[in-house]
Amino acid sequence: MKTIKILCLVSVGFALSACEGGEGIRRIGPDKSVDGGINAHHLSTLVAGVWVDPNGCDHWIIDDGVEGYLSERLQPDGTPVCSGVAEPNTAVGPFKDGTPIADVL
């Protein structure tokens, strides 16, 4: 039983050490404003659209082909923006611009 525990701990140690990265592997740092994928670029180059939730409130939406980004659209005081720009559950605007990767689904 003791041998099994030791083997399990060693296995976990090796598995977790792989998460650190190594020679030739790009490490993921604290800067989350850069997309490091296939078409690496700064996220500020993407164009946002607006998705309207079921309650009629706006959310910024960006489709990067493989990844997508969504955040609630807020007024300066922190309350949600409910502009009525579109029907609920609808996305409007050029939110798929800024990347050459097409959606496959």
N, C-alpha and C. Protein backbone atom coordinates (compact mmCIF):
# COMPACT_ATOMS: atom_id res chain seq x y z
N MET A 1 0.84 -1.20 0.00
CA MET A 1 0.00 0.00 0.00
C MET A 1 0.87 1.25 0.00
N LYS A 2 1.97 1.19 0.77
CA LYS A 2 2.87 2.33 0.86
C LYS A 2 3.51 2.62 -0.49
N THR A 3 3.85 1.57 -1.24
CA THR A 3 4.45 1.71 -2.56
C THR A 3 3.48 2.39 -3.52
N ILE A 4 2.23 2.05 -3.45
CA ILE A 4 1.21 2.66 -4.32
C ILE A 4 1.07 4.15 -4.03
N LYS A 5 1.08 4.52 -2.76
CA LYS A 5 0.99 5.93 -2.39
C LYS A 5 2.18 6.72 -2.92
N ILE A 6 3.36 6.13 -2.80
CA ILE A 6 4.57 6.80 -3.28
C ILE A 6 4.52 6.97 -4.80
N LEU A 7 4.09 5.93 -5.50
CA LEU A 7 3.97 6.01 -6.96
C LEU A 7 2.95 7.07 -7.38
N CYS A 8 1.86 7.14 -6.66
CA CYS A 8 0.84 8.15 -6.96
C CYS A 8 1.39 9.57 -6.75
N LEU A 9 2.08 9.79 -5.65
CA LEU A 9 2.65 11.11 -5.38
C LEU A 9 3.69 11.50 -6.43
N VAL A 10 4.53 10.56 -6.82
CA VAL A 10 5.54 10.83 -7.85
C VAL A 10 4.85 11.15 -9.18
N SER A 11 3.81 10.40 -9.52
CA SER A 11 3.07 10.64 -10.77
C SER A 11 2.44 12.02 -10.78
N VAL A 12 1.85 12.42 -9.67
CA VAL A 12 1.25 13.74 -9.56
C VAL A 12 2.32 14.83 -9.70
N GLY A 13 3.46 14.59 -9.09
CA GLY A 13 4.56 15.55 -9.20
C GLY A 13 5.01 15.74 -10.64
N PHE A 14 5.16 14.66 -11.38
CA PHE A 14 5.54 14.75 -12.78
C PHE A 14 4.45 15.45 -13.60
N ALA A 15 3.21 15.11 -13.35
CA ALA A 15 2.12 15.72 -14.10
C ALA A 15 2.06 17.23 -13.87
N LEU A 16 2.24 17.66 -12.63
CA LEU A 16 2.19 19.09 -12.33
C LEU A 16 3.42 19.83 -12.84
N SER A 17 4.54 19.17 -12.90
CA SER A 17 5.74 19.83 -13.41
C SER A 17 5.61 20.12 -14.90
N ALA A 18 4.80 19.38 -15.60
CA ALA A 18 4.57 19.62 -17.02
C ALA A 18 3.80 20.93 -17.24
N CYS A 19 3.07 21.38 -16.26
CA CYS A 19 2.29 22.62 -16.38
C CYS A 19 3.19 23.85 -16.40
N GLU A 20 4.39 23.76 -15.91
CA GLU A 20 5.29 24.90 -15.79
C GLU A 20 5.83 25.35 -17.13
N GLY A 21 5.92 24.47 -18.12
CA GLY A 21 6.52 24.81 -19.41
C GLY A 21 7.99 24.50 -19.38
N GLY A 22 8.63 24.64 -20.49
CA GLY A 22 10.04 24.31 -20.56
C GLY A 22 10.69 24.97 -21.74
N GLU A 23 11.81 24.45 -22.16
CA GLU A 23 12.57 24.99 -23.29
C GLU A 23 11.69 25.00 -24.54
N GLY A 24 11.58 26.15 -25.18
CA GLY A 24 10.83 26.26 -26.42
C GLY A 24 9.33 26.36 -26.25
N ILE A 25 8.84 26.31 -25.02
CA ILE A 25 7.40 26.40 -24.78
C ILE A 25 7.07 27.80 -24.30
N ARG A 26 6.08 28.43 -24.98
CA ARG A 26 5.67 29.78 -24.59
C ARG A 26 4.94 29.73 -23.26
N ARG A 27 5.44 30.46 -22.29
CA ARG A 27 4.81 30.50 -20.98
C ARG A 27 3.68 31.52 -20.99
N ILE A 28 2.63 31.19 -20.28
CA ILE A 28 1.49 32.10 -20.17
C ILE A 28 1.71 32.97 -18.95
N GLY A 29 1.84 34.26 -19.16
CA GLY A 29 2.10 35.19 -18.07
C GLY A 29 0.84 35.88 -17.61
N PRO A 30 1.00 36.92 -16.83
CA PRO A 30 -0.14 37.63 -16.29
C PRO A 30 -0.85 38.50 -17.32
N ASP A 31 -0.24 38.72 -18.52
CA ASP A 31 -0.84 39.58 -19.53
C ASP A 31 -1.90 38.81 -20.31
N LYS A 32 -3.15 39.03 -19.99
CA LYS A 32 -4.26 38.34 -20.66
C LYS A 32 -4.82 39.16 -21.82
N SER A 33 -4.14 40.24 -22.22
CA SER A 33 -4.62 41.09 -23.30
C SER A 33 -4.07 40.67 -24.65
N VAL A 34 -3.28 39.60 -24.70
CA VAL A 34 -2.70 39.12 -25.94
C VAL A 34 -3.18 37.70 -26.19
N ASP A 35 -3.69 37.47 -27.41
CA ASP A 35 -4.09 36.13 -27.82
C ASP A 35 -2.86 35.43 -28.35
N GLY A 36 -2.47 34.33 -27.76
CA GLY A 36 -1.26 33.63 -28.17
C GLY A 36 -1.56 32.44 -29.06
N GLY A 37 -2.73 32.40 -29.67
CA GLY A 37 -3.12 31.25 -30.49
C GLY A 37 -2.54 31.29 -31.88
N ILE A 38 -3.27 30.69 -32.81
CA ILE A 38 -2.82 30.54 -34.20
C ILE A 38 -2.53 31.88 -34.85
N ASN A 39 -3.42 32.83 -34.70
CA ASN A 39 -3.20 34.17 -35.27
C ASN A 39 -2.96 35.16 -34.14
N ALA A 40 -1.85 35.00 -33.44
CA ALA A 40 -1.54 35.80 -32.25
C ALA A 40 -1.62 37.30 -32.53
N HIS A 41 -2.32 38.01 -31.67
CA HIS A 41 -2.49 39.45 -31.79
C HIS A 41 -3.00 40.02 -30.47
N HIS A 42 -2.91 41.33 -30.34
CA HIS A 42 -3.43 42.00 -29.15
C HIS A 42 -4.95 42.05 -29.25
N LEU A 43 -5.63 41.79 -28.16
CA LEU A 43 -7.09 41.73 -28.19
C LEU A 43 -7.74 43.07 -28.51
N SER A 44 -7.01 44.17 -28.35
CA SER A 44 -7.59 45.47 -28.68
C SER A 44 -7.79 45.64 -30.18
N THR A 45 -7.21 44.76 -31.01
CA THR A 45 -7.40 44.85 -32.46
C THR A 45 -8.71 44.21 -32.91
N LEU A 46 -9.38 43.49 -32.04
CA LEU A 46 -10.65 42.86 -32.39
C LEU A 46 -11.80 43.86 -32.28
N VAL A 47 -12.86 43.60 -33.02
CA VAL A 47 -14.00 44.51 -33.06
C VAL A 47 -15.17 43.87 -32.29
N ALA A 48 -15.75 44.62 -31.39
CA ALA A 48 -16.85 44.10 -30.57
C ALA A 48 -18.20 44.40 -31.19
N GLY A 49 -19.11 43.50 -30.96
CA GLY A 49 -20.51 43.70 -31.28
C GLY A 49 -21.29 43.69 -29.97
N VAL A 50 -22.59 43.66 -30.08
CA VAL A 50 -23.44 43.66 -28.89
C VAL A 50 -24.38 42.46 -28.95
N TRP A 51 -24.39 41.69 -27.87
CA TRP A 51 -25.37 40.63 -27.71
C TRP A 51 -26.35 41.08 -26.65
N VAL A 52 -27.64 40.91 -26.93
CA VAL A 52 -28.69 41.30 -25.99
C VAL A 52 -29.18 40.05 -25.28
N ASP A 53 -29.09 40.05 -23.95
CA ASP A 53 -29.49 38.88 -23.17
C ASP A 53 -31.02 38.78 -23.07
N PRO A 54 -31.54 37.68 -22.50
CA PRO A 54 -33.00 37.51 -22.41
C PRO A 54 -33.71 38.63 -21.64
N ASN A 55 -32.98 39.35 -20.77
CA ASN A 55 -33.59 40.45 -20.02
C ASN A 55 -33.55 41.77 -20.79
N GLY A 56 -32.93 41.78 -21.99
CA GLY A 56 -32.85 42.99 -22.79
C GLY A 56 -31.62 43.85 -22.51
N CYS A 57 -30.66 43.35 -21.75
CA CYS A 57 -29.46 44.12 -21.42
C CYS A 57 -28.30 43.73 -22.34
N ASP A 58 -27.42 44.69 -22.59
CA ASP A 58 -26.34 44.54 -23.56
C ASP A 58 -25.09 43.89 -22.97
N HIS A 59 -24.38 43.14 -23.82
CA HIS A 59 -23.10 42.54 -23.48
C HIS A 59 -22.18 42.74 -24.69
N TRP A 60 -20.92 43.10 -24.43
CA TRP A 60 -19.93 43.18 -25.50
C TRP A 60 -19.58 41.75 -25.89
N ILE A 61 -19.52 41.48 -27.20
CA ILE A 61 -19.19 40.14 -27.68
C ILE A 61 -18.16 40.25 -28.80
N ILE A 62 -17.15 39.37 -28.75
CA ILE A 62 -16.13 39.28 -29.79
C ILE A 62 -15.96 37.81 -30.13
N ASP A 63 -15.97 37.50 -31.43
CA ASP A 63 -15.75 36.13 -31.88
C ASP A 63 -14.40 36.09 -32.57
N ASP A 64 -13.45 35.33 -32.00
CA ASP A 64 -12.10 35.23 -32.55
C ASP A 64 -11.92 33.96 -33.37
N GLY A 65 -12.99 33.38 -33.85
CA GLY A 65 -12.91 32.15 -34.62
C GLY A 65 -12.92 30.94 -33.73
N VAL A 66 -11.83 30.71 -33.00
CA VAL A 66 -11.74 29.57 -32.09
C VAL A 66 -12.25 29.95 -30.72
N GLU A 67 -11.88 31.16 -30.27
CA GLU A 67 -12.28 31.64 -28.95
C GLU A 67 -13.34 32.72 -29.08
N GLY A 68 -14.01 32.96 -28.00
CA GLY A 68 -14.97 34.06 -27.95
C GLY A 68 -14.83 34.80 -26.64
N TYR A 69 -15.20 36.06 -26.65
CA TYR A 69 -15.08 36.89 -25.46
C TYR A 69 -16.42 37.59 -25.24
N LEU A 70 -16.83 37.69 -23.98
CA LEU A 70 -18.10 38.30 -23.64
C LEU A 70 -17.95 39.02 -22.32
N SER A 71 -18.44 40.25 -22.26
CA SER A 71 -18.48 40.96 -20.98
C SER A 71 -19.70 41.85 -20.96
N GLU A 72 -20.22 42.04 -19.77
CA GLU A 72 -21.42 42.85 -19.60
C GLU A 72 -21.10 44.31 -19.93
N ARG A 73 -22.01 44.94 -20.64
CA ARG A 73 -21.85 46.37 -20.95
C ARG A 73 -22.43 47.17 -19.78
N LEU A 74 -21.57 47.96 -19.13
CA LEU A 74 -21.98 48.67 -17.92
C LEU A 74 -21.87 50.18 -18.09
N GLN A 75 -22.73 50.89 -17.37
CA GLN A 75 -22.63 52.34 -17.29
C GLN A 75 -21.55 52.70 -16.28
N PRO A 76 -21.09 53.96 -16.26
CA PRO A 76 -20.03 54.34 -15.31
C PRO A 76 -20.36 54.03 -13.85
N ASP A 77 -21.63 54.03 -13.50
CA ASP A 77 -21.99 53.74 -12.10
C ASP A 77 -22.12 52.24 -11.83
N GLY A 78 -21.86 51.39 -12.85
CA GLY A 78 -21.88 49.95 -12.66
C GLY A 78 -23.20 49.27 -12.98
N THR A 79 -24.21 50.04 -13.34
CA THR A 79 -25.49 49.43 -13.70
C THR A 79 -25.44 48.95 -15.15
N PRO A 80 -26.19 47.90 -15.48
CA PRO A 80 -26.16 47.38 -16.84
C PRO A 80 -26.79 48.34 -17.85
N VAL A 81 -26.27 48.29 -19.08
CA VAL A 81 -26.84 49.06 -20.18
C VAL A 81 -27.88 48.18 -20.86
N CYS A 82 -29.10 48.66 -20.94
CA CYS A 82 -30.20 47.96 -21.61
C CYS A 82 -30.74 48.89 -22.69
N SER A 83 -30.03 48.97 -23.82
CA SER A 83 -30.30 50.00 -24.83
C SER A 83 -31.46 49.68 -25.76
N GLY A 84 -31.84 48.42 -25.90
CA GLY A 84 -32.89 48.06 -26.84
C GLY A 84 -32.40 48.06 -28.28
N VAL A 85 -31.08 47.89 -28.48
CA VAL A 85 -30.49 47.92 -29.81
C VAL A 85 -30.97 46.75 -30.68
N ALA A 86 -31.42 45.66 -30.05
CA ALA A 86 -31.90 44.49 -30.79
C ALA A 86 -32.85 43.69 -29.91
N GLU A 87 -33.49 42.71 -30.51
CA GLU A 87 -34.37 41.81 -29.77
C GLU A 87 -33.53 40.97 -28.79
N PRO A 88 -34.12 40.52 -27.68
CA PRO A 88 -33.39 39.63 -26.77
C PRO A 88 -32.86 38.39 -27.48
N ASN A 89 -31.71 37.89 -27.01
CA ASN A 89 -31.02 36.72 -27.57
C ASN A 89 -30.55 36.95 -29.00
N THR A 90 -30.19 38.19 -29.33
CA THR A 90 -29.70 38.54 -30.66
C THR A 90 -28.36 39.25 -30.55
N ALA A 91 -27.45 38.93 -31.47
CA ALA A 91 -26.16 39.62 -31.55
C ALA A 91 -26.15 40.51 -32.78
N VAL A 92 -25.66 41.74 -32.61
CA VAL A 92 -25.58 42.69 -33.72
C VAL A 92 -24.19 43.29 -33.77
N GLY A 93 -23.80 43.77 -34.92
CA GLY A 93 -22.52 44.43 -35.07
C GLY A 93 -21.46 43.52 -35.66
N PRO A 94 -20.28 44.06 -35.91
CA PRO A 94 -19.21 43.32 -36.58
C PRO A 94 -18.35 42.49 -35.63
N PHE A 95 -18.97 41.71 -34.77
CA PHE A 95 -18.23 41.00 -33.73
C PHE A 95 -17.37 39.86 -34.26
N LYS A 96 -17.49 39.50 -35.54
CA LYS A 96 -16.65 38.45 -36.12
C LYS A 96 -15.49 39.04 -36.92
N ASP A 97 -15.37 40.35 -36.96
CA ASP A 97 -14.27 41.00 -37.69
C ASP A 97 -12.99 40.95 -36.86
N GLY A 98 -11.85 41.05 -37.53
CA GLY A 98 -10.58 41.11 -36.83
C GLY A 98 -9.82 39.82 -36.78
N THR A 99 -10.39 38.76 -37.39
CA THR A 99 -9.67 37.48 -37.43
C THR A 99 -9.98 36.77 -38.75
N PRO A 100 -8.98 36.13 -39.33
CA PRO A 100 -9.23 35.39 -40.57
C PRO A 100 -9.79 33.97 -40.35
N ILE A 101 -9.89 33.56 -39.09
CA ILE A 101 -10.36 32.20 -38.78
C ILE A 101 -11.89 32.19 -38.79
N ALA A 102 -12.44 31.32 -39.63
CA ALA A 102 -13.89 31.22 -39.74
C ALA A 102 -14.43 30.22 -38.71
N ASP A 103 -15.69 30.39 -38.33
CA ASP A 103 -16.34 29.42 -37.46
C ASP A 103 -16.58 28.15 -38.27
N VAL A 104 -16.40 27.01 -37.64
CA VAL A 104 -16.57 25.73 -38.34
C VAL A 104 -17.89 25.05 -38.03
N LEU A 105 -18.61 25.51 -37.07
CA LEU A 105 -19.87 24.85 -36.73
C LEU A 105 -21.03 25.46 -37.45
